[in-house]
N, C-alpha and C. Protein backbone atom coordinates (compact mmCIF):
# COMPACT_ATOMS: atom_id res chain seq x y z
N UNK A 1 18.51 -30.37 61.49
CA UNK A 1 17.52 -30.02 62.52
C UNK A 1 16.51 -29.03 61.95
N UNK A 2 15.25 -29.27 62.18
CA UNK A 2 14.23 -28.38 61.66
C UNK A 2 14.06 -27.17 62.58
N UNK A 3 13.51 -26.11 61.99
CA UNK A 3 13.26 -24.88 62.72
C UNK A 3 11.80 -24.52 62.46
N UNK A 4 11.09 -24.05 63.49
CA UNK A 4 9.69 -23.71 63.32
C UNK A 4 9.49 -22.21 63.42
N UNK A 5 8.71 -21.67 62.48
CA UNK A 5 8.35 -20.26 62.44
C UNK A 5 6.83 -20.16 62.50
N UNK A 6 6.32 -18.98 62.79
CA UNK A 6 4.88 -18.78 62.95
C UNK A 6 4.42 -17.51 62.24
N UNK A 7 3.14 -17.48 61.86
CA UNK A 7 2.56 -16.30 61.23
C UNK A 7 1.52 -15.68 62.16
N UNK A 8 1.11 -14.45 61.86
CA UNK A 8 0.07 -13.80 62.64
C UNK A 8 -1.30 -14.43 62.37
N UNK A 9 -1.38 -15.27 61.35
CA UNK A 9 -2.62 -15.99 61.04
C UNK A 9 -2.67 -17.34 61.74
N UNK A 10 -1.75 -17.56 62.67
CA UNK A 10 -1.70 -18.77 63.51
C UNK A 10 -1.37 -20.03 62.69
N UNK A 11 -0.48 -19.86 61.73
CA UNK A 11 0.05 -21.01 60.98
C UNK A 11 1.47 -21.26 61.49
N UNK A 12 1.87 -22.52 61.47
CA UNK A 12 3.25 -22.85 61.77
C UNK A 12 3.93 -23.36 60.51
N UNK A 13 5.22 -23.11 60.41
CA UNK A 13 6.02 -23.56 59.28
C UNK A 13 7.24 -24.26 59.84
N UNK A 14 7.38 -25.54 59.55
CA UNK A 14 8.54 -26.29 59.98
C UNK A 14 9.52 -26.34 58.81
N UNK A 15 10.65 -25.69 58.99
CA UNK A 15 11.64 -25.58 57.93
C UNK A 15 12.66 -26.69 58.11
N UNK A 16 12.72 -27.58 57.12
CA UNK A 16 13.64 -28.72 57.20
C UNK A 16 14.98 -28.39 56.54
N UNK A 17 15.98 -29.20 56.82
CA UNK A 17 17.31 -28.97 56.26
C UNK A 17 17.32 -29.07 54.74
N UNK A 18 16.42 -29.88 54.17
CA UNK A 18 16.42 -30.06 52.72
C UNK A 18 15.72 -28.91 51.99
N UNK A 19 15.30 -27.87 52.74
CA UNK A 19 14.67 -26.71 52.13
C UNK A 19 13.16 -26.82 52.01
N UNK A 20 12.60 -27.98 52.36
CA UNK A 20 11.15 -28.11 52.33
C UNK A 20 10.55 -27.51 53.59
N UNK A 21 9.34 -26.97 53.45
CA UNK A 21 8.64 -26.35 54.56
C UNK A 21 7.29 -27.04 54.73
N UNK A 22 6.99 -27.52 55.94
CA UNK A 22 5.70 -28.13 56.26
C UNK A 22 4.83 -27.07 56.92
N UNK A 23 3.55 -27.00 56.52
CA UNK A 23 2.63 -25.98 57.03
C UNK A 23 1.46 -26.61 57.75
N UNK A 24 1.08 -26.02 58.86
CA UNK A 24 -0.10 -26.42 59.60
C UNK A 24 -0.64 -25.24 60.38
N UNK A 25 -1.67 -25.47 61.19
CA UNK A 25 -2.16 -24.42 62.06
C UNK A 25 -1.80 -24.75 63.50
N UNK A 26 -1.68 -23.73 64.30
CA UNK A 26 -1.26 -23.91 65.69
C UNK A 26 -2.38 -24.47 66.55
N UNK A 27 -2.00 -24.91 67.73
CA UNK A 27 -2.98 -25.40 68.70
C UNK A 27 -3.97 -24.28 69.03
N UNK A 28 -3.48 -23.05 69.14
CA UNK A 28 -4.35 -21.90 69.40
C UNK A 28 -5.42 -21.78 68.31
N UNK A 29 -5.01 -21.91 67.06
CA UNK A 29 -5.96 -21.79 65.94
C UNK A 29 -6.99 -22.91 65.96
N UNK A 30 -6.55 -24.15 66.12
CA UNK A 30 -7.51 -25.26 66.09
C UNK A 30 -8.46 -25.17 67.27
N UNK A 31 -7.96 -24.68 68.41
CA UNK A 31 -8.80 -24.54 69.59
C UNK A 31 -9.91 -23.50 69.36
N UNK A 32 -9.57 -22.40 68.69
CA UNK A 32 -10.55 -21.35 68.42
C UNK A 32 -11.51 -21.72 67.29
N UNK A 33 -11.05 -22.55 66.37
CA UNK A 33 -11.92 -22.98 65.27
C UNK A 33 -12.94 -24.03 65.72
N UNK A 34 -12.56 -24.85 66.64
CA UNK A 34 -13.40 -25.98 67.03
C UNK A 34 -13.12 -27.15 66.11
N UNK A 35 -13.97 -28.17 66.16
CA UNK A 35 -13.75 -29.39 65.40
C UNK A 35 -13.79 -29.14 63.90
N UNK A 36 -12.69 -29.50 63.23
CA UNK A 36 -12.66 -29.37 61.77
C UNK A 36 -13.50 -30.46 61.14
N UNK A 37 -14.29 -30.09 60.14
CA UNK A 37 -15.17 -31.05 59.46
C UNK A 37 -14.82 -31.19 57.98
N UNK A 38 -14.01 -30.26 57.44
CA UNK A 38 -13.66 -30.31 56.02
C UNK A 38 -12.34 -29.59 55.80
N UNK A 39 -11.49 -30.20 54.97
CA UNK A 39 -10.22 -29.59 54.59
C UNK A 39 -10.04 -29.79 53.08
N UNK A 40 -9.79 -28.72 52.36
CA UNK A 40 -9.48 -28.79 50.93
C UNK A 40 -8.04 -28.32 50.76
N UNK A 41 -7.21 -29.19 50.23
CA UNK A 41 -5.79 -28.92 50.11
C UNK A 41 -5.40 -28.53 48.69
N UNK A 42 -4.27 -27.84 48.54
CA UNK A 42 -3.80 -27.49 47.20
C UNK A 42 -3.28 -28.73 46.48
N UNK A 43 -3.09 -28.62 45.18
CA UNK A 43 -2.52 -29.74 44.42
C UNK A 43 -1.01 -29.69 44.46
N UNK A 44 -0.39 -30.85 44.58
CA UNK A 44 1.07 -30.92 44.50
C UNK A 44 1.49 -30.38 43.14
N UNK A 45 2.56 -29.61 43.12
CA UNK A 45 3.06 -29.01 41.90
C UNK A 45 2.55 -27.61 41.67
N UNK A 46 1.57 -27.17 42.46
CA UNK A 46 0.98 -25.85 42.28
C UNK A 46 1.93 -24.79 42.84
N UNK A 47 2.17 -23.75 42.03
CA UNK A 47 3.00 -22.64 42.46
C UNK A 47 2.10 -21.57 43.03
N UNK A 48 2.43 -21.10 44.23
CA UNK A 48 1.61 -20.11 44.91
C UNK A 48 2.46 -18.92 45.33
N UNK A 49 1.89 -17.73 45.17
CA UNK A 49 2.55 -16.51 45.63
C UNK A 49 2.20 -16.27 47.09
N UNK A 50 2.98 -15.45 47.75
CA UNK A 50 2.67 -15.08 49.14
C UNK A 50 1.27 -14.49 49.18
N UNK A 51 0.45 -14.97 50.11
CA UNK A 51 -0.90 -14.46 50.27
C UNK A 51 -1.96 -15.21 49.49
N UNK A 52 -1.56 -16.05 48.53
CA UNK A 52 -2.53 -16.85 47.77
C UNK A 52 -3.23 -17.83 48.69
N UNK A 53 -4.49 -18.13 48.39
CA UNK A 53 -5.20 -19.14 49.16
C UNK A 53 -4.60 -20.51 48.84
N UNK A 54 -4.13 -21.19 49.88
CA UNK A 54 -3.50 -22.49 49.69
C UNK A 54 -4.42 -23.63 50.08
N UNK A 55 -5.23 -23.44 51.10
CA UNK A 55 -6.12 -24.49 51.58
C UNK A 55 -7.38 -23.85 52.16
N UNK A 56 -8.47 -24.61 52.14
CA UNK A 56 -9.73 -24.17 52.72
C UNK A 56 -10.06 -25.09 53.88
N UNK A 57 -10.48 -24.50 54.99
CA UNK A 57 -10.85 -25.31 56.15
C UNK A 57 -12.24 -24.88 56.64
N UNK A 58 -12.99 -25.87 57.09
CA UNK A 58 -14.29 -25.58 57.69
C UNK A 58 -14.38 -26.33 59.01
N UNK A 59 -14.89 -25.61 60.00
CA UNK A 59 -15.08 -26.23 61.31
C UNK A 59 -16.54 -26.06 61.72
N UNK A 60 -16.86 -26.58 62.87
CA UNK A 60 -18.22 -26.44 63.37
C UNK A 60 -18.54 -24.97 63.67
N UNK A 61 -17.51 -24.15 63.85
CA UNK A 61 -17.71 -22.73 64.19
C UNK A 61 -17.54 -21.79 63.00
N UNK A 62 -16.66 -22.10 62.06
CA UNK A 62 -16.30 -21.13 61.03
C UNK A 62 -15.68 -21.81 59.81
N UNK A 63 -15.64 -21.05 58.73
CA UNK A 63 -14.91 -21.47 57.53
C UNK A 63 -13.78 -20.46 57.33
N UNK A 64 -12.71 -20.91 56.77
CA UNK A 64 -11.59 -20.01 56.55
C UNK A 64 -10.62 -20.61 55.56
N UNK A 65 -9.49 -19.96 55.42
CA UNK A 65 -8.49 -20.47 54.51
C UNK A 65 -7.10 -20.34 55.13
N UNK A 66 -6.23 -21.13 54.57
CA UNK A 66 -4.82 -21.05 54.90
C UNK A 66 -4.18 -20.34 53.71
N UNK A 67 -3.62 -19.17 53.96
CA UNK A 67 -2.97 -18.44 52.89
C UNK A 67 -1.48 -18.76 52.88
N UNK A 68 -0.90 -18.73 51.71
CA UNK A 68 0.51 -19.04 51.56
C UNK A 68 1.34 -17.98 52.30
N UNK A 69 2.14 -18.39 53.29
CA UNK A 69 2.91 -17.42 54.08
C UNK A 69 4.06 -16.79 53.30
N UNK A 70 4.64 -17.55 52.38
CA UNK A 70 5.69 -17.07 51.48
C UNK A 70 5.53 -17.81 50.16
N UNK A 71 6.08 -17.28 49.11
CA UNK A 71 5.95 -17.91 47.79
C UNK A 71 6.67 -19.25 47.74
N UNK A 72 6.08 -20.19 46.97
CA UNK A 72 6.70 -21.49 46.83
C UNK A 72 5.86 -22.43 45.99
N UNK A 73 6.37 -23.64 45.82
CA UNK A 73 5.69 -24.67 45.04
C UNK A 73 5.32 -25.82 45.97
N UNK A 74 4.05 -26.20 45.97
CA UNK A 74 3.56 -27.30 46.81
C UNK A 74 4.18 -28.60 46.32
N UNK A 75 4.76 -29.36 47.25
CA UNK A 75 5.40 -30.61 46.87
C UNK A 75 4.62 -31.83 47.35
N UNK A 76 3.84 -31.65 48.41
CA UNK A 76 3.13 -32.79 49.00
C UNK A 76 1.96 -32.27 49.82
N UNK A 77 0.87 -33.04 49.87
CA UNK A 77 -0.26 -32.68 50.73
C UNK A 77 -0.55 -33.85 51.67
N UNK A 78 -1.19 -33.55 52.77
CA UNK A 78 -1.54 -34.57 53.76
C UNK A 78 -2.92 -35.12 53.38
N UNK A 79 -2.94 -36.12 52.53
CA UNK A 79 -4.16 -36.71 52.02
C UNK A 79 -5.06 -37.30 53.09
N UNK A 80 -4.51 -37.63 54.24
CA UNK A 80 -5.29 -38.17 55.34
C UNK A 80 -6.39 -37.21 55.78
N UNK A 81 -6.15 -35.91 55.64
CA UNK A 81 -7.10 -34.92 56.13
C UNK A 81 -8.41 -34.90 55.36
N UNK A 82 -8.42 -35.39 54.12
CA UNK A 82 -9.66 -35.44 53.34
C UNK A 82 -10.70 -36.31 54.05
N UNK A 83 -10.25 -37.44 54.58
CA UNK A 83 -11.16 -38.36 55.28
C UNK A 83 -11.19 -38.14 56.78
N UNK A 84 -10.12 -37.56 57.31
CA UNK A 84 -10.01 -37.38 58.76
C UNK A 84 -9.57 -35.96 59.11
N UNK A 85 -10.41 -34.95 58.84
CA UNK A 85 -10.01 -33.57 59.15
C UNK A 85 -9.76 -33.36 60.65
N UNK A 86 -10.34 -34.22 61.48
CA UNK A 86 -10.15 -34.13 62.92
C UNK A 86 -8.71 -34.33 63.37
N UNK A 87 -7.86 -34.88 62.49
CA UNK A 87 -6.42 -35.04 62.81
C UNK A 87 -5.81 -33.69 63.18
N UNK A 88 -6.34 -32.62 62.55
CA UNK A 88 -5.82 -31.29 62.84
C UNK A 88 -6.09 -30.93 64.30
N UNK A 89 -7.27 -31.28 64.80
CA UNK A 89 -7.60 -31.01 66.20
C UNK A 89 -6.81 -31.90 67.15
N UNK A 90 -6.62 -33.15 66.76
CA UNK A 90 -5.92 -34.11 67.62
C UNK A 90 -4.43 -33.81 67.75
N UNK A 91 -3.80 -33.41 66.64
CA UNK A 91 -2.34 -33.24 66.62
C UNK A 91 -1.97 -32.13 65.64
N UNK A 92 -2.32 -30.86 65.98
CA UNK A 92 -2.11 -29.76 65.03
C UNK A 92 -0.65 -29.53 64.65
N UNK A 93 0.27 -29.83 65.55
CA UNK A 93 1.68 -29.57 65.26
C UNK A 93 2.40 -30.82 64.73
N UNK A 94 1.65 -31.91 64.51
CA UNK A 94 2.25 -33.14 64.04
C UNK A 94 1.48 -33.72 62.88
N UNK A 95 0.70 -34.79 63.15
CA UNK A 95 -0.03 -35.51 62.10
C UNK A 95 -1.08 -34.66 61.40
N UNK A 96 -1.44 -33.51 61.97
CA UNK A 96 -2.45 -32.63 61.37
C UNK A 96 -1.89 -31.58 60.43
N UNK A 97 -0.67 -31.79 59.92
CA UNK A 97 -0.10 -30.84 58.96
C UNK A 97 -0.92 -30.81 57.68
N UNK A 98 -0.84 -29.71 56.94
CA UNK A 98 -1.64 -29.53 55.73
C UNK A 98 -0.88 -29.85 54.45
N UNK A 99 0.24 -29.17 54.23
CA UNK A 99 1.01 -29.40 53.00
C UNK A 99 2.46 -29.03 53.20
N UNK A 100 3.27 -29.48 52.24
CA UNK A 100 4.70 -29.15 52.24
C UNK A 100 4.98 -28.38 50.95
N UNK A 101 5.94 -27.48 51.03
CA UNK A 101 6.31 -26.74 49.83
C UNK A 101 7.79 -26.41 49.82
N UNK A 102 8.27 -26.14 48.61
CA UNK A 102 9.65 -25.70 48.41
C UNK A 102 9.59 -24.18 48.30
N UNK A 103 10.21 -23.50 49.23
CA UNK A 103 10.16 -22.04 49.27
C UNK A 103 10.93 -21.45 48.09
N UNK A 104 10.37 -20.40 47.49
CA UNK A 104 11.02 -19.76 46.35
C UNK A 104 12.24 -18.95 46.77
N UNK A 105 12.11 -18.22 47.87
CA UNK A 105 13.19 -17.34 48.34
C UNK A 105 13.34 -17.56 49.84
N UNK A 106 14.40 -18.28 50.23
CA UNK A 106 14.58 -18.65 51.64
C UNK A 106 14.56 -17.44 52.57
N UNK A 107 15.05 -16.30 52.13
CA UNK A 107 15.10 -15.12 52.99
C UNK A 107 13.70 -14.62 53.36
N UNK A 108 12.67 -15.01 52.59
CA UNK A 108 11.30 -14.61 52.92
C UNK A 108 10.87 -15.16 54.28
N UNK A 109 11.47 -16.27 54.68
CA UNK A 109 11.12 -16.90 55.96
C UNK A 109 11.62 -16.10 57.15
N UNK A 110 12.59 -15.22 56.91
CA UNK A 110 13.19 -14.45 58.00
C UNK A 110 12.20 -13.50 58.67
N UNK A 111 11.16 -13.08 57.95
CA UNK A 111 10.20 -12.14 58.51
C UNK A 111 9.14 -12.77 59.40
N UNK A 112 9.17 -14.09 59.53
CA UNK A 112 8.18 -14.79 60.35
C UNK A 112 8.63 -14.85 61.80
N UNK A 113 7.68 -15.08 62.71
CA UNK A 113 7.98 -15.11 64.14
C UNK A 113 8.59 -16.44 64.58
N UNK A 114 9.47 -16.37 65.58
CA UNK A 114 9.93 -17.59 66.22
C UNK A 114 8.93 -17.93 67.33
N UNK A 115 9.17 -19.02 68.06
CA UNK A 115 8.21 -19.47 69.06
C UNK A 115 7.95 -18.42 70.14
N UNK A 116 9.01 -17.79 70.63
CA UNK A 116 8.85 -16.77 71.68
C UNK A 116 8.04 -15.58 71.15
N UNK A 117 8.32 -15.17 69.92
CA UNK A 117 7.57 -14.06 69.32
C UNK A 117 6.11 -14.41 69.14
N UNK A 118 5.85 -15.66 68.74
CA UNK A 118 4.47 -16.09 68.54
C UNK A 118 3.72 -16.13 69.88
N UNK A 119 4.36 -16.66 70.90
CA UNK A 119 3.70 -16.71 72.22
C UNK A 119 3.33 -15.30 72.70
N UNK A 120 4.24 -14.35 72.51
CA UNK A 120 3.98 -12.97 72.90
C UNK A 120 2.83 -12.40 72.07
N UNK A 121 2.80 -12.74 70.78
CA UNK A 121 1.70 -12.28 69.89
C UNK A 121 0.36 -12.81 70.37
N UNK A 122 0.30 -14.11 70.69
CA UNK A 122 -0.95 -14.72 71.15
C UNK A 122 -1.41 -14.06 72.46
N UNK A 123 -0.46 -13.83 73.37
CA UNK A 123 -0.82 -13.19 74.64
C UNK A 123 -1.35 -11.79 74.42
N UNK A 124 -0.85 -11.10 73.41
CA UNK A 124 -1.30 -9.73 73.12
C UNK A 124 -2.70 -9.70 72.52
N UNK A 125 -3.18 -10.87 72.05
CA UNK A 125 -4.50 -10.94 71.44
C UNK A 125 -5.62 -10.97 72.48
N UNK A 126 -5.25 -11.17 73.73
CA UNK A 126 -6.24 -11.16 74.81
C UNK A 126 -6.94 -12.43 74.88
């Protein structure tokens, strides 16, 4: 059974039993960004430290990046987003995922928020 964690940067991480982690942005994030028009993903096999820029996103409202929430190695990217960045707006928690990675240190995931913590964080943002 997978478990989902969240960051203060409005990213979600779905932690699978096989140790792989899928990353995307939350519905809150896609709603505030507006329609995505461009997504640049990392290369599979790339090792990234916590805080490294993993992906670049541009919307009709803003440009930004997805930073690596914890250290790991990218194993797969969602190639569909190159041609259809709008998938992120349509299904941010599903088909609009960005990339998957193998986490370097599983305990690093413990510092991330669970769903209840994330909801409280979003509400505190006003």
